[in-house]
Amino acid sequence: MMLFNYKSKKEMQENIGNHLDYTETSMFGEEYRSNGVFCGSNRPHITGIKGREFFAEVVMRDDKIASVKWVKQAHGF
C-alpha cells in the first residue's frame, strides 16, 4: 500500500489538482498510476509525519489528484 505524505485528510483534500506526495512501499512493483485509481494511507508511525492515520482511495488524471475518497479501515488494510 502506498503511503500518502500528508498529515491530515484536510491537507490531502486541499491538494486536489496538484501532484501527489507519496512513498512507494510495494515489493512487487510500483502502485502509482498517472491516470487511474489506487488506495493508500498515512501511517504516522512509519513516515514520521505528525498527524492522524487515515486511508484513502485516490483518482489521478494526468499526474494530478482528481478526487479523494476516504476509506474506513477495513480487513486487509
PDB file of N, CA and C in Angstrom:
ATOM      1  N   MET A   1       0.848  -1.174   0.000  1.00  0.00           N
ATOM      2  CA  MET A   1       0.000   0.000   0.000  1.00  0.00           C
ATOM      3  C   MET A   1       0.892   1.235   0.000  1.00  0.00           C
ATOM      4  N   MET A   2       0.490   2.221  -0.766  1.00  0.00           N
ATOM      5  CA  MET A   2       1.243   3.465  -0.836  1.00  0.00           C
ATOM      6  C   MET A   2       1.053   4.279   0.442  1.00  0.00           C
ATOM      7  N   LEU A   3       2.077   5.032   0.786  1.00  0.00           N
ATOM      8  CA  LEU A   3       1.971   5.959   1.915  1.00  0.00           C
ATOM      9  C   LEU A   3       1.775   7.359   1.358  1.00  0.00           C
ATOM     10  N   PHE A   4       0.757   8.035   1.832  1.00  0.00           N
ATOM     11  CA  PHE A   4       0.500   9.417   1.430  1.00  0.00           C
ATOM     12  C   PHE A   4       1.188  10.332   2.429  1.00  0.00           C
ATOM     13  N   ASN A   5       1.993  11.254   1.941  1.00  0.00           N
ATOM     14  CA  ASN A   5       2.783  12.135   2.801  1.00  0.00           C
ATOM     15  C   ASN A   5       2.034  13.424   3.125  1.00  0.00           C
ATOM     16  N   TYR A   6       0.878  13.254   3.754  1.00  0.00           N
ATOM     17  CA  TYR A   6       0.038  14.373   4.194  1.00  0.00           C
ATOM     18  C   TYR A   6      -0.312  14.119   5.652  1.00  0.00           C
ATOM     19  N   LYS A   7      -0.351  15.170   6.468  1.00  0.00           N
ATOM     20  CA  LYS A   7      -0.607  14.963   7.894  1.00  0.00           C
ATOM     21  C   LYS A   7      -2.076  14.835   8.244  1.00  0.00           C
ATOM     22  N   SER A   8      -2.969  15.156   7.295  1.00  0.00           N
ATOM     23  CA  SER A   8      -4.399  15.038   7.586  1.00  0.00           C
ATOM     24  C   SER A   8      -5.195  14.852   6.297  1.00  0.00           C
ATOM     25  N   LYS A   9      -6.432  14.410   6.466  1.00  0.00           N
ATOM     26  CA  LYS A   9      -7.342  14.295   5.327  1.00  0.00           C
ATOM     27  C   LYS A   9      -7.563  15.670   4.706  1.00  0.00           C
ATOM     28  N   LYS A  10      -7.685  16.667   5.564  1.00  0.00           N
ATOM     29  CA  LYS A  10      -7.926  18.028   5.089  1.00  0.00           C
ATOM     30  C   LYS A  10      -6.777  18.512   4.204  1.00  0.00           C
ATOM     31  N   GLU A  11      -5.546  18.266   4.632  1.00  0.00           N
ATOM     32  CA  GLU A  11      -4.389  18.687   3.843  1.00  0.00           C
ATOM     33  C   GLU A  11      -4.371  17.987   2.484  1.00  0.00           C
ATOM     34  N   MET A  12      -4.722  16.715   2.469  1.00  0.00           N
ATOM     35  CA  MET A  12      -4.756  15.975   1.203  1.00  0.00           C
ATOM     36  C   MET A  12      -5.858  16.526   0.298  1.00  0.00           C
ATOM     37  N   GLN A  13      -7.019  16.791   0.863  1.00  0.00           N
ATOM     38  CA  GLN A  13      -8.152  17.342   0.112  1.00  0.00           C
ATOM     39  C   GLN A  13      -7.778  18.695  -0.503  1.00  0.00           C
ATOM     40  N   GLU A  14      -7.020  19.505   0.227  1.00  0.00           N
ATOM     41  CA  GLU A  14      -6.600  20.817  -0.255  1.00  0.00           C
ATOM     42  C   GLU A  14      -5.627  20.726  -1.428  1.00  0.00           C
ATOM     43  N   ASN A  15      -5.064  19.545  -1.656  1.00  0.00           N
ATOM     44  CA  ASN A  15      -4.104  19.358  -2.734  1.00  0.00           C
ATOM     45  C   ASN A  15      -4.712  18.760  -3.997  1.00  0.00           C
ATOM     46  N   ILE A  16      -6.039  18.692  -4.084  1.00  0.00           N
ATOM     47  CA  ILE A  16      -6.677  18.248  -5.326  1.00  0.00           C
ATOM     48  C   ILE A  16      -6.266  19.221  -6.420  1.00  0.00           C
ATOM     49  N   GLY A  17      -5.838  18.679  -7.540  1.00  0.00           N
ATOM     50  CA  GLY A  17      -5.343  19.497  -8.649  1.00  0.00           C
ATOM     51  C   GLY A  17      -3.828  19.605  -8.674  1.00  0.00           C
ATOM     52  N   ASN A  18      -3.180  19.105  -7.623  1.00  0.00           N
ATOM     53  CA  ASN A  18      -1.717  19.116  -7.540  1.00  0.00           C
ATOM     54  C   ASN A  18      -1.169  17.705  -7.690  1.00  0.00           C
ATOM     55  N   HIS A  19       0.143  17.607  -7.807  1.00  0.00           N
ATOM     56  CA  HIS A  19       0.797  16.304  -7.868  1.00  0.00           C
ATOM     57  C   HIS A  19       0.721  15.627  -6.508  1.00  0.00           C
ATOM     58  N   LEU A  20       0.646  14.311  -6.508  1.00  0.00           N
ATOM     59  CA  LEU A  20       0.534  13.528  -5.286  1.00  0.00           C
ATOM     60  C   LEU A  20       1.890  13.392  -4.607  1.00  0.00           C
ATOM     61  N   ASP A  21       1.939  13.641  -3.310  1.00  0.00           N
ATOM     62  CA  ASP A  21       3.139  13.433  -2.500  1.00  0.00           C
ATOM     63  C   ASP A  21       2.974  12.067  -1.836  1.00  0.00           C
ATOM     64  N   TYR A  22       3.785  11.101  -2.239  1.00  0.00           N
ATOM     65  CA  TYR A  22       3.592   9.723  -1.788  1.00  0.00           C
ATOM     66  C   TYR A  22       4.931   9.005  -1.655  1.00  0.00           C
ATOM     67  N   THR A  23       4.889   7.838  -1.021  1.00  0.00           N
ATOM     68  CA  THR A  23       6.035   6.950  -0.915  1.00  0.00           C
ATOM     69  C   THR A  23       5.591   5.558  -1.341  1.00  0.00           C
ATOM     70  N   GLU A  24       6.309   4.963  -2.273  1.00  0.00           N
ATOM     71  CA  GLU A  24       6.014   3.589  -2.699  1.00  0.00           C
ATOM     72  C   GLU A  24       6.493   2.620  -1.629  1.00  0.00           C
ATOM     73  N   THR A  25       5.721   1.568  -1.372  1.00  0.00           N
ATOM     74  CA  THR A  25       6.120   0.573  -0.376  1.00  0.00           C
ATOM     75  C   THR A  25       6.065  -0.855  -0.906  1.00  0.00           C
ATOM     76  N   SER A  26       5.516  -1.069  -2.089  1.00  0.00           N
ATOM     77  CA  SER A  26       5.317  -2.418  -2.608  1.00  0.00           C
ATOM     78  C   SER A  26       6.627  -3.076  -3.039  1.00  0.00           C
ATOM     79  N   MET A  27       6.783  -4.336  -2.693  1.00  0.00           N
ATOM     80  CA  MET A  27       7.931  -5.123  -3.151  1.00  0.00           C
ATOM     81  C   MET A  27       7.674  -5.678  -4.551  1.00  0.00           C
ATOM     82  N   PHE A  28       6.462  -5.536  -5.051  1.00  0.00           N
ATOM     83  CA  PHE A  28       6.070  -6.178  -6.301  1.00  0.00           C
ATOM     84  C   PHE A  28       5.925  -5.195  -7.457  1.00  0.00           C
ATOM     85  N   GLY A  29       6.494  -4.026  -7.351  1.00  0.00           N
ATOM     86  CA  GLY A  29       6.408  -3.037  -8.412  1.00  0.00           C
ATOM     87  C   GLY A  29       5.636  -1.809  -7.978  1.00  0.00           C
ATOM     88  N   GLU A  30       5.737  -0.776  -8.788  1.00  0.00           N
ATOM     89  CA  GLU A  30       5.094   0.491  -8.458  1.00  0.00           C
ATOM     90  C   GLU A  30       3.576   0.393  -8.478  1.00  0.00           C
ATOM     91  N   GLU A  31       2.957   1.067  -7.523  1.00  0.00           N
ATOM     92  CA  GLU A  31       1.500   1.121  -7.456  1.00  0.00           C
ATOM     93  C   GLU A  31       0.959   2.401  -8.077  1.00  0.00           C
ATOM     94  N   TYR A  32       1.794   3.434  -8.147  1.00  0.00           N
ATOM     95  CA  TYR A  32       1.367   4.737  -8.663  1.00  0.00           C
ATOM     96  C   TYR A  32       0.957   4.627 -10.133  1.00  0.00           C
ATOM     97  N   ARG A  33      -0.133   5.321 -10.462  1.00  0.00           N
ATOM     98  CA  ARG A  33      -0.598   5.410 -11.853  1.00  0.00           C
ATOM     99  C   ARG A  33      -0.892   6.877 -12.145  1.00  0.00           C
ATOM    100  N   SER A  34      -0.405   7.382 -13.270  1.00  0.00           N
ATOM    101  CA  SER A  34      -0.656   8.788 -13.604  1.00  0.00           C
ATOM    102  C   SER A  34      -2.121   9.019 -13.945  1.00  0.00           C
ATOM    103  N   ASN A  35      -2.802   7.980 -14.414  1.00  0.00           N
ATOM    104  CA  ASN A  35      -4.243   8.007 -14.679  1.00  0.00           C
ATOM    105  C   ASN A  35      -4.828   6.733 -14.106  1.00  0.00           C
ATOM    106  N   GLY A  36      -5.682   6.849 -13.124  1.00  0.00           N
ATOM    107  CA  GLY A  36      -6.270   5.653 -12.536  1.00  0.00           C
ATOM    108  C   GLY A  36      -6.643   5.860 -11.084  1.00  0.00           C
ATOM    109  N   VAL A  37      -6.951   4.727 -10.447  1.00  0.00           N
ATOM    110  CA  VAL A  37      -7.420   4.737  -9.060  1.00  0.00           C
ATOM    111  C   VAL A  37      -6.549   3.788  -8.250  1.00  0.00           C
ATOM    112  N   PHE A  38      -6.170   4.214  -7.044  1.00  0.00           N
ATOM    113  CA  PHE A  38      -5.450   3.334  -6.142  1.00  0.00           C
ATOM    114  C   PHE A  38      -5.694   3.764  -4.704  1.00  0.00           C
ATOM    115  N   CYS A  39      -5.351   2.889  -3.777  1.00  0.00           N
ATOM    116  CA  CYS A  39      -5.545   3.165  -2.350  1.00  0.00           C
ATOM    117  C   CYS A  39      -4.208   3.391  -1.665  1.00  0.00           C
ATOM    118  N   GLY A  40      -4.280   4.111  -0.573  1.00  0.00           N
ATOM    119  CA  GLY A  40      -3.086   4.355   0.222  1.00  0.00           C
ATOM    120  C   GLY A  40      -3.481   4.840   1.596  1.00  0.00           C
ATOM    121  N   SER A  41      -2.473   5.192   2.384  1.00  0.00           N
ATOM    122  CA  SER A  41      -2.749   5.625   3.749  1.00  0.00           C
ATOM    123  C   SER A  41      -1.683   6.579   4.242  1.00  0.00           C
ATOM    124  N   ASN A  42      -1.990   7.252   5.337  1.00  0.00           N
ATOM    125  CA  ASN A  42      -0.993   7.988   6.093  1.00  0.00           C
ATOM    126  C   ASN A  42      -0.743   7.164   7.342  1.00  0.00           C
ATOM    127  N   ARG A  43       0.490   6.781   7.557  1.00  0.00           N
ATOM    128  CA  ARG A  43       0.865   5.975   8.718  1.00  0.00           C
ATOM    129  C   ARG A  43       1.935   6.742   9.495  1.00  0.00           C
ATOM    130  N   PRO A  44       1.519   7.625  10.401  1.00  0.00           N
ATOM    131  CA  PRO A  44       2.476   8.491  11.109  1.00  0.00           C
ATOM    132  C   PRO A  44       3.630   7.751  11.785  1.00  0.00           C
ATOM    133  N   HIS A  45       3.358   6.570  12.298  1.00  0.00           N
ATOM    134  CA  HIS A  45       4.424   5.824  12.980  1.00  0.00           C
ATOM    135  C   HIS A  45       5.475   5.295  12.011  1.00  0.00           C
ATOM    136  N   ILE A  46       5.161   5.250  10.724  1.00  0.00           N
ATOM    137  CA  ILE A  46       6.113   4.804   9.706  1.00  0.00           C
ATOM    138  C   ILE A  46       6.789   6.002   9.040  1.00  0.00           C
ATOM    139  N   THR A  47       6.004   7.004   8.655  1.00  0.00           N
ATOM    140  CA  THR A  47       6.530   8.143   7.905  1.00  0.00           C
ATOM    141  C   THR A  47       7.205   9.188   8.781  1.00  0.00           C
ATOM    142  N   GLY A  48       6.819   9.249  10.044  1.00  0.00           N
ATOM    143  CA  GLY A  48       7.349  10.287  10.914  1.00  0.00           C
ATOM    144  C   GLY A  48       6.648  11.626  10.724  1.00  0.00           C
ATOM    145  N   ILE A  49       5.661  11.680   9.814  1.00  0.00           N
ATOM    146  CA  ILE A  49       4.879  12.894   9.604  1.00  0.00           C
ATOM    147  C   ILE A  49       3.799  12.928  10.670  1.00  0.00           C
ATOM    148  N   LYS A  50       3.846  13.931  11.522  1.00  0.00           N
ATOM    149  CA  LYS A  50       2.852  14.004  12.593  1.00  0.00           C
ATOM    150  C   LYS A  50       1.468  14.201  11.998  1.00  0.00           C
ATOM    151  N   GLY A  51       0.504  13.583  12.602  1.00  0.00           N
ATOM    152  CA  GLY A  51      -0.867  13.674  12.135  1.00  0.00           C
ATOM    153  C   GLY A  51      -1.625  12.410  12.467  1.00  0.00           C
ATOM    154  N   ARG A  52      -2.781  12.285  11.858  1.00  0.00           N
ATOM    155  CA  ARG A  52      -3.650  11.141  12.129  1.00  0.00           C
ATOM    156  C   ARG A  52      -3.502  10.091  11.035  1.00  0.00           C
ATOM    157  N   GLU A  53      -3.721   8.858  11.425  1.00  0.00           N
ATOM    158  CA  GLU A  53      -3.718   7.776  10.444  1.00  0.00           C
ATOM    159  C   GLU A  53      -5.029   7.828   9.673  1.00  0.00           C
ATOM    160  N   PHE A  54      -4.934   7.697   8.339  1.00  0.00           N
ATOM    161  CA  PHE A  54      -6.137   7.629   7.520  1.00  0.00           C
ATOM    162  C   PHE A  54      -5.871   6.788   6.288  1.00  0.00           C
ATOM    163  N   PHE A  55      -6.943   6.307   5.695  1.00  0.00           N
ATOM    164  CA  PHE A  55      -6.891   5.514   4.476  1.00  0.00           C
ATOM    165  C   PHE A  55      -7.724   6.222   3.424  1.00  0.00           C
ATOM    166  N   ALA A  56      -7.267   6.198   2.165  1.00  0.00           N
ATOM    167  CA  ALA A  56      -7.983   6.916   1.112  1.00  0.00           C
ATOM    168  C   ALA A  56      -7.834   6.204  -0.233  1.00  0.00           C
ATOM    169  N   GLU A  57      -8.848   6.417  -1.063  1.00  0.00           N
ATOM    170  CA  GLU A  57      -8.819   5.988  -2.460  1.00  0.00           C
ATOM    171  C   GLU A  57      -8.639   7.259  -3.287  1.00  0.00           C
ATOM    172  N   VAL A  58      -7.625   7.276  -4.146  1.00  0.00           N
ATOM    173  CA  VAL A  58      -7.289   8.471  -4.916  1.00  0.00           C
ATOM    174  C   VAL A  58      -7.515   8.212  -6.395  1.00  0.00           C
ATOM    175  N   VAL A  59      -8.145   9.174  -7.060  1.00  0.00           N
ATOM    176  CA  VAL A  59      -8.303   9.136  -8.515  1.00  0.00           C
ATOM    177  C   VAL A  59      -7.321  10.141  -9.090  1.00  0.00           C
ATOM    178  N   MET A  60      -6.468   9.676 -10.006  1.00  0.00           N
ATOM    179  CA  MET A  60      -5.466  10.529 -10.646  1.00  0.00           C
ATOM    180  C   MET A  60      -5.834  10.746 -12.113  1.00  0.00           C
ATOM    181  N   ARG A  61      -5.620  11.977 -12.584  1.00  0.00           N
ATOM    182  CA  ARG A  61      -5.773  12.303 -14.006  1.00  0.00           C
ATOM    183  C   ARG A  61      -4.594  13.170 -14.412  1.00  0.00           C
ATOM    184  N   ASP A  62      -3.836  12.721 -15.408  1.00  0.00           N
ATOM    185  CA  ASP A  62      -2.679  13.472 -15.912  1.00  0.00           C
ATOM    186  C   ASP A  62      -1.703  13.846 -14.801  1.00  0.00           C
ATOM    187  N   ASP A  63      -1.387  12.886 -13.947  1.00  0.00           N
ATOM    188  CA  ASP A  63      -0.441  13.055 -12.831  1.00  0.00           C
ATOM    189  C   ASP A  63      -0.880  14.047 -11.769  1.00  0.00           C
ATOM    190  N   LYS A  64      -2.159  14.342 -11.703  1.00  0.00           N
ATOM    191  CA  LYS A  64      -2.670  15.249 -10.665  1.00  0.00           C
ATOM    192  C   LYS A  64      -3.839  14.588  -9.941  1.00  0.00           C
ATOM    193  N   ILE A  65      -4.018  14.934  -8.677  1.00  0.00           N
ATOM    194  CA  ILE A  65      -5.108  14.380  -7.880  1.00  0.00           C
ATOM    195  C   ILE A  65      -6.432  14.932  -8.412  1.00  0.00           C
ATOM    196  N   ALA A  66      -7.321  14.034  -8.849  1.00  0.00           N
ATOM    197  CA  ALA A  66      -8.638  14.445  -9.346  1.00  0.00           C
ATOM    198  C   ALA A  66      -9.685  14.384  -8.240  1.00  0.00           C
ATOM    199  N   SER A  67      -9.598  13.358  -7.394  1.00  0.00           N
ATOM    200  CA  SER A  67     -10.527  13.260  -6.268  1.00  0.00           C
ATOM    201  C   SER A  67      -9.964  12.326  -5.214  1.00  0.00           C
ATOM    202  N   VAL A  68     -10.504  12.466  -4.007  1.00  0.00           N
ATOM    203  CA  VAL A  68     -10.081  11.656  -2.874  1.00  0.00           C
ATOM    204  C   VAL A  68     -11.335  11.152  -2.177  1.00  0.00           C
ATOM    205  N   LYS A  69     -11.374   9.855  -1.901  1.00  0.00           N
ATOM    206  CA  LYS A  69     -12.494   9.260  -1.179  1.00  0.00           C
ATOM    207  C   LYS A  69     -11.927   8.606   0.070  1.00  0.00           C
ATOM    208  N   TRP A  70     -12.489   8.950   1.212  1.00  0.00           N
ATOM    209  CA  TRP A  70     -11.997   8.400   2.473  1.00  0.00           C
ATOM    210  C   TRP A  70     -12.512   6.994   2.661  1.00  0.00           C
ATOM    211  N   VAL A  71     -11.647   6.124   3.108  1.00  0.00           N
ATOM    212  CA  VAL A  71     -11.974   4.723   3.311  1.00  0.00           C
ATOM    213  C   VAL A  71     -11.808   4.415   4.788  1.00  0.00           C
ATOM    214  N   LYS A  72     -12.820   3.805   5.376  1.00  0.00           N
ATOM    215  CA  LYS A  72     -12.687   3.362   6.766  1.00  0.00           C
ATOM    216  C   LYS A  72     -11.727   2.198   6.789  1.00  0.00           C
ATOM    217  N   GLN A  73     -11.001   2.068   7.886  1.00  0.00           N
ATOM    218  CA  GLN A  73     -10.062   0.963   7.998  1.00  0.00           C
ATOM    219  C   GLN A  73     -10.843  -0.334   7.887  1.00  0.00           C
ATOM    220  N   ALA A  74     -10.389  -1.193   6.998  1.00  0.00           N
ATOM    221  CA  ALA A  74     -11.100  -2.440   6.726  1.00  0.00           C
ATOM    222  C   ALA A  74     -10.153  -3.623   6.848  1.00  0.00           C
ATOM    223  N   HIS A  75     -10.691  -4.794   6.770  1.00  0.00           N
ATOM    224  CA  HIS A  75      -9.888  -6.002   6.791  1.00  0.00           C
ATOM    225  C   HIS A  75      -8.934  -5.970   5.616  1.00  0.00           C
ATOM    226  N   GLY A  76      -7.711  -6.357   5.838  1.00  0.00           N
ATOM    227  CA  GLY A  76      -6.717  -6.370   4.791  1.00  0.00           C
ATOM    228  C   GLY A  76      -5.914  -5.082   4.708  1.00  0.00           C
ATOM    229  N   PHE A  77      -6.305  -4.075   5.473  1.00  0.00           N
ATOM    230  CA  PHE A  77      -5.522  -2.823   5.468  1.00  0.00           C
ATOM    231  C   PHE A  77      -4.613  -2.825   6.664  1.00  0.00           C
TER     232      PHE A  77
END
